[in-house]
């Protein structure tokens, strides 16, 4: 239902912008989150955004470096990632709370753990 893109290989300190687009699915009505999974680790929340864009949540590890935004006219949610670090390496996924089961804060803090289906994600590798 959602398609992630924009990943790649970047040097430490570099930037990438990820995109999450609804495939035959309108994102504008839902809280959307970005999540990542590093090799050998559990999936973790990175950032979430409310339908209007007025509410945003960031994990402590990305606060001040990443910015989540959305363009509802383009049916797309973005994750601008600046000052990337090797520990940001992983597969990045987006997820839509299409059942409106959680607040944006709950989605980011624990709700995402209950989603059974995830897209293919986009690989981000930060390495020199």
C-alpha atoms as a PDB file:
ATOM      1  CA  UNK A   1       0.000   0.000   0.000  1.00  0.00           C
ATOM      2  CA  UNK A   2       2.951   2.323   0.539  1.00  0.00           C
ATOM      3  CA  UNK A   3       6.158   2.466  -1.460  1.00  0.00           C
ATOM      4  CA  UNK A   4       9.433   3.738  -0.052  1.00  0.00           C
ATOM      5  CA  UNK A   5      12.214   5.223  -2.158  1.00  0.00           C
ATOM      6  CA  UNK A   6      15.249   7.464  -1.974  1.00  0.00           C
ATOM      7  CA  UNK A   7      17.749   5.319  -0.121  1.00  0.00           C
ATOM      8  CA  UNK A   8      21.349   4.850  -1.127  1.00  0.00           C
ATOM      9  CA  UNK A   9      24.966   4.897  -0.089  1.00  0.00           C
ATOM     10  CA  UNK A  10      26.193   8.112   1.487  1.00  0.00           C
ATOM     11  CA  UNK A  11      29.266   9.190   3.407  1.00  0.00           C
ATOM     12  CA  UNK A  12      29.040  10.216   7.055  1.00  0.00           C
ATOM     13  CA  UNK A  13      27.829  13.778   7.274  1.00  0.00           C
ATOM     14  CA  UNK A  14      25.888  13.460   4.042  1.00  0.00           C
ATOM     15  CA  UNK A  15      22.179  13.796   3.345  1.00  0.00           C
ATOM     16  CA  UNK A  16      19.376  11.806   1.789  1.00  0.00           C
ATOM     17  CA  UNK A  17      15.672  12.409   1.323  1.00  0.00           C
ATOM     18  CA  UNK A  18      13.360   9.436   1.536  1.00  0.00           C
ATOM     19  CA  UNK A  19       9.882   9.394   0.027  1.00  0.00           C
ATOM     20  CA  UNK A  20       6.831   7.375   0.997  1.00  0.00           C
ATOM     21  CA  UNK A  21       4.062   7.280  -1.592  1.00  0.00           C
ATOM     22  CA  UNK A  22       0.670   5.705  -1.465  1.00  0.00           C
ATOM     23  CA  UNK A  23       0.173   3.087  -4.143  1.00  0.00           C
ATOM     24  CA  UNK A  24      -3.563   3.171  -4.869  1.00  0.00           C
ATOM     25  CA  UNK A  25      -3.857   4.424  -1.328  1.00  0.00           C
ATOM     26  CA  UNK A  26      -4.435   7.973  -0.118  1.00  0.00           C
ATOM     27  CA  UNK A  27      -2.090   8.904   2.690  1.00  0.00           C
ATOM     28  CA  UNK A  28      -3.502  12.297   3.531  1.00  0.00           C
ATOM     29  CA  UNK A  29      -6.000  11.125   6.138  1.00  0.00           C
ATOM     30  CA  UNK A  30      -3.585   9.099   8.231  1.00  0.00           C
ATOM     31  CA  UNK A  31      -0.722   9.316  10.664  1.00  0.00           C
ATOM     32  CA  UNK A  32       2.397   8.153   8.863  1.00  0.00           C
ATOM     33  CA  UNK A  33       5.599   6.903  10.394  1.00  0.00           C
ATOM     34  CA  UNK A  34       9.117   6.168   9.287  1.00  0.00           C
ATOM     35  CA  UNK A  35      10.834   3.187  10.881  1.00  0.00           C
ATOM     36  CA  UNK A  36      14.162   1.484  10.362  1.00  0.00           C
ATOM     37  CA  UNK A  37      15.786  -1.841  10.973  1.00  0.00           C
ATOM     38  CA  UNK A  38      19.517  -2.369  11.175  1.00  0.00           C
ATOM     39  CA  UNK A  39      21.049  -5.799  10.596  1.00  0.00           C
ATOM     40  CA  UNK A  40      20.561  -7.992  13.632  1.00  0.00           C
ATOM     41  CA  UNK A  41      18.411  -5.433  15.425  1.00  0.00           C
ATOM     42  CA  UNK A  42      14.724  -4.909  15.997  1.00  0.00           C
ATOM     43  CA  UNK A  43      12.769  -2.416  13.968  1.00  0.00           C
ATOM     44  CA  UNK A  44      12.657   0.994  15.630  1.00  0.00           C
ATOM     45  CA  UNK A  45      10.679   4.163  15.162  1.00  0.00           C
ATOM     46  CA  UNK A  46      12.402   7.132  13.550  1.00  0.00           C
ATOM     47  CA  UNK A  47       9.697   9.737  13.098  1.00  0.00           C
ATOM     48  CA  UNK A  48       5.941  10.108  12.719  1.00  0.00           C
ATOM     49  CA  UNK A  49       3.628  12.806  11.415  1.00  0.00           C
ATOM     50  CA  UNK A  50      -0.050  13.616  11.829  1.00  0.00           C
ATOM     51  CA  UNK A  51      -2.385  14.033   8.835  1.00  0.00           C
ATOM     52  CA  UNK A  52      -2.135  17.825   8.876  1.00  0.00           C
ATOM     53  CA  UNK A  53       1.597  17.773   9.419  1.00  0.00           C
ATOM     54  CA  UNK A  54       1.148  19.796  12.582  1.00  0.00           C
ATOM     55  CA  UNK A  55       2.155  16.975  14.865  1.00  0.00           C
ATOM     56  CA  UNK A  56       5.574  15.374  14.547  1.00  0.00           C
ATOM     57  CA  UNK A  57       7.501  12.910  16.675  1.00  0.00           C
ATOM     58  CA  UNK A  58      11.213  12.114  16.484  1.00  0.00           C
ATOM     59  CA  UNK A  59      13.351   9.525  18.177  1.00  0.00           C
ATOM     60  CA  UNK A  60      16.092  10.928  20.375  1.00  0.00           C
ATOM     61  CA  UNK A  61      18.758   9.582  18.036  1.00  0.00           C
ATOM     62  CA  UNK A  62      17.578  11.624  15.034  1.00  0.00           C
ATOM     63  CA  UNK A  63      16.252  14.793  16.672  1.00  0.00           C
ATOM     64  CA  UNK A  64      17.904  17.819  15.131  1.00  0.00           C
ATOM     65  CA  UNK A  65      19.151  15.885  12.105  1.00  0.00           C
ATOM     66  CA  UNK A  66      16.030  14.453  10.467  1.00  0.00           C
ATOM     67  CA  UNK A  67      12.870  16.257   9.369  1.00  0.00           C
ATOM     68  CA  UNK A  68       9.597  14.593   8.491  1.00  0.00           C
ATOM     69  CA  UNK A  69       7.123  16.383   6.243  1.00  0.00           C
ATOM     70  CA  UNK A  70       4.246  15.621   3.965  1.00  0.00           C
ATOM     71  CA  UNK A  71       2.758  16.912   0.744  1.00  0.00           C
ATOM     72  CA  UNK A  72      -0.795  15.662   0.720  1.00  0.00           C
ATOM     73  CA  UNK A  73      -1.383  16.989  -2.780  1.00  0.00           C
ATOM     74  CA  UNK A  74       1.382  14.681  -3.977  1.00  0.00           C
ATOM     75  CA  UNK A  75       0.266  11.857  -1.662  1.00  0.00           C
ATOM     76  CA  UNK A  76       3.809  11.694  -0.314  1.00  0.00           C
ATOM     77  CA  UNK A  77       5.553  11.805   3.035  1.00  0.00           C
ATOM     78  CA  UNK A  78       9.234  12.727   3.150  1.00  0.00           C
ATOM     79  CA  UNK A  79      12.081  12.103   5.548  1.00  0.00           C
ATOM     80  CA  UNK A  80      14.940  14.545   5.093  1.00  0.00           C
ATOM     81  CA  UNK A  81      18.031  13.088   6.702  1.00  0.00           C
ATOM     82  CA  UNK A  82      21.013  15.333   7.307  1.00  0.00           C
ATOM     83  CA  UNK A  83      24.352  14.773   9.028  1.00  0.00           C
ATOM     84  CA  UNK A  84      23.991  11.048   8.567  1.00  0.00           C
ATOM     85  CA  UNK A  85      25.970   8.735  10.793  1.00  0.00           C
ATOM     86  CA  UNK A  86      27.021   5.101  10.309  1.00  0.00           C
ATOM     87  CA  UNK A  87      24.518   4.088  12.975  1.00  0.00           C
ATOM     88  CA  UNK A  88      21.729   5.373  10.721  1.00  0.00           C
ATOM     89  CA  UNK A  89      22.413   2.469   8.381  1.00  0.00           C
ATOM     90  CA  UNK A  90      19.461   0.164   7.853  1.00  0.00           C
ATOM     91  CA  UNK A  91      16.346  -0.521   5.862  1.00  0.00           C
ATOM     92  CA  UNK A  92      13.851   2.306   6.201  1.00  0.00           C
ATOM     93  CA  UNK A  93      10.133   1.610   6.060  1.00  0.00           C
ATOM     94  CA  UNK A  94       7.083   3.796   6.152  1.00  0.00           C
ATOM     95  CA  UNK A  95       3.767   2.759   7.593  1.00  0.00           C
ATOM     96  CA  UNK A  96       0.316   4.297   7.542  1.00  0.00           C
ATOM     97  CA  UNK A  97      -2.108   3.962  10.417  1.00  0.00           C
ATOM     98  CA  UNK A  98      -4.932   3.324   7.980  1.00  0.00           C
ATOM     99  CA  UNK A  99      -7.178   1.924  10.721  1.00  0.00           C
ATOM    100  CA  UNK A 100      -6.683   5.098  12.777  1.00  0.00           C
ATOM    101  CA  UNK A 101      -5.836   2.866  15.711  1.00  0.00           C
ATOM    102  CA  UNK A 102      -3.265   5.135  17.353  1.00  0.00           C
ATOM    103  CA  UNK A 103      -2.433   8.719  18.088  1.00  0.00           C
ATOM    104  CA  UNK A 104       0.661   9.906  16.247  1.00  0.00           C
ATOM    105  CA  UNK A 105       2.643   9.622  19.473  1.00  0.00           C
ATOM    106  CA  UNK A 106       1.411   6.094  20.191  1.00  0.00           C
ATOM    107  CA  UNK A 107       2.145   5.049  16.610  1.00  0.00           C
ATOM    108  CA  UNK A 108       5.736   6.092  17.035  1.00  0.00           C
ATOM    109  CA  UNK A 109       6.257   4.806  20.552  1.00  0.00           C
ATOM    110  CA  UNK A 110       4.701   1.337  20.413  1.00  0.00           C
ATOM    111  CA  UNK A 111       1.850   1.054  17.937  1.00  0.00           C
ATOM    112  CA  UNK A 112       4.090   0.231  15.008  1.00  0.00           C
ATOM    113  CA  UNK A 113       5.049  -3.061  16.672  1.00  0.00           C
ATOM    114  CA  UNK A 114       1.560  -4.375  15.955  1.00  0.00           C
ATOM    115  CA  UNK A 115       1.667  -3.943  12.198  1.00  0.00           C
ATOM    116  CA  UNK A 116       1.952  -7.312  10.533  1.00  0.00           C
ATOM    117  CA  UNK A 117       2.585  -6.151   6.979  1.00  0.00           C
ATOM    118  CA  UNK A 118       5.445  -3.973   5.848  1.00  0.00           C
ATOM    119  CA  UNK A 119       6.645  -2.873   2.439  1.00  0.00           C
ATOM    120  CA  UNK A 120      10.029  -3.639   0.941  1.00  0.00           C
ATOM    121  CA  UNK A 121      11.621  -0.560   2.437  1.00  0.00           C
ATOM    122  CA  UNK A 122      14.583   1.365   1.101  1.00  0.00           C
ATOM    123  CA  UNK A 123      18.186   0.669   2.073  1.00  0.00           C
ATOM    124  CA  UNK A 124      20.248   3.462   3.614  1.00  0.00           C
ATOM    125  CA  UNK A 125      23.950   2.832   4.036  1.00  0.00           C
ATOM    126  CA  UNK A 126      26.187   5.386   5.689  1.00  0.00           C
ATOM    127  CA  UNK A 127      29.820   4.522   5.205  1.00  0.00           C
ATOM    128  CA  UNK A 128      33.080   6.076   4.146  1.00  0.00           C
END
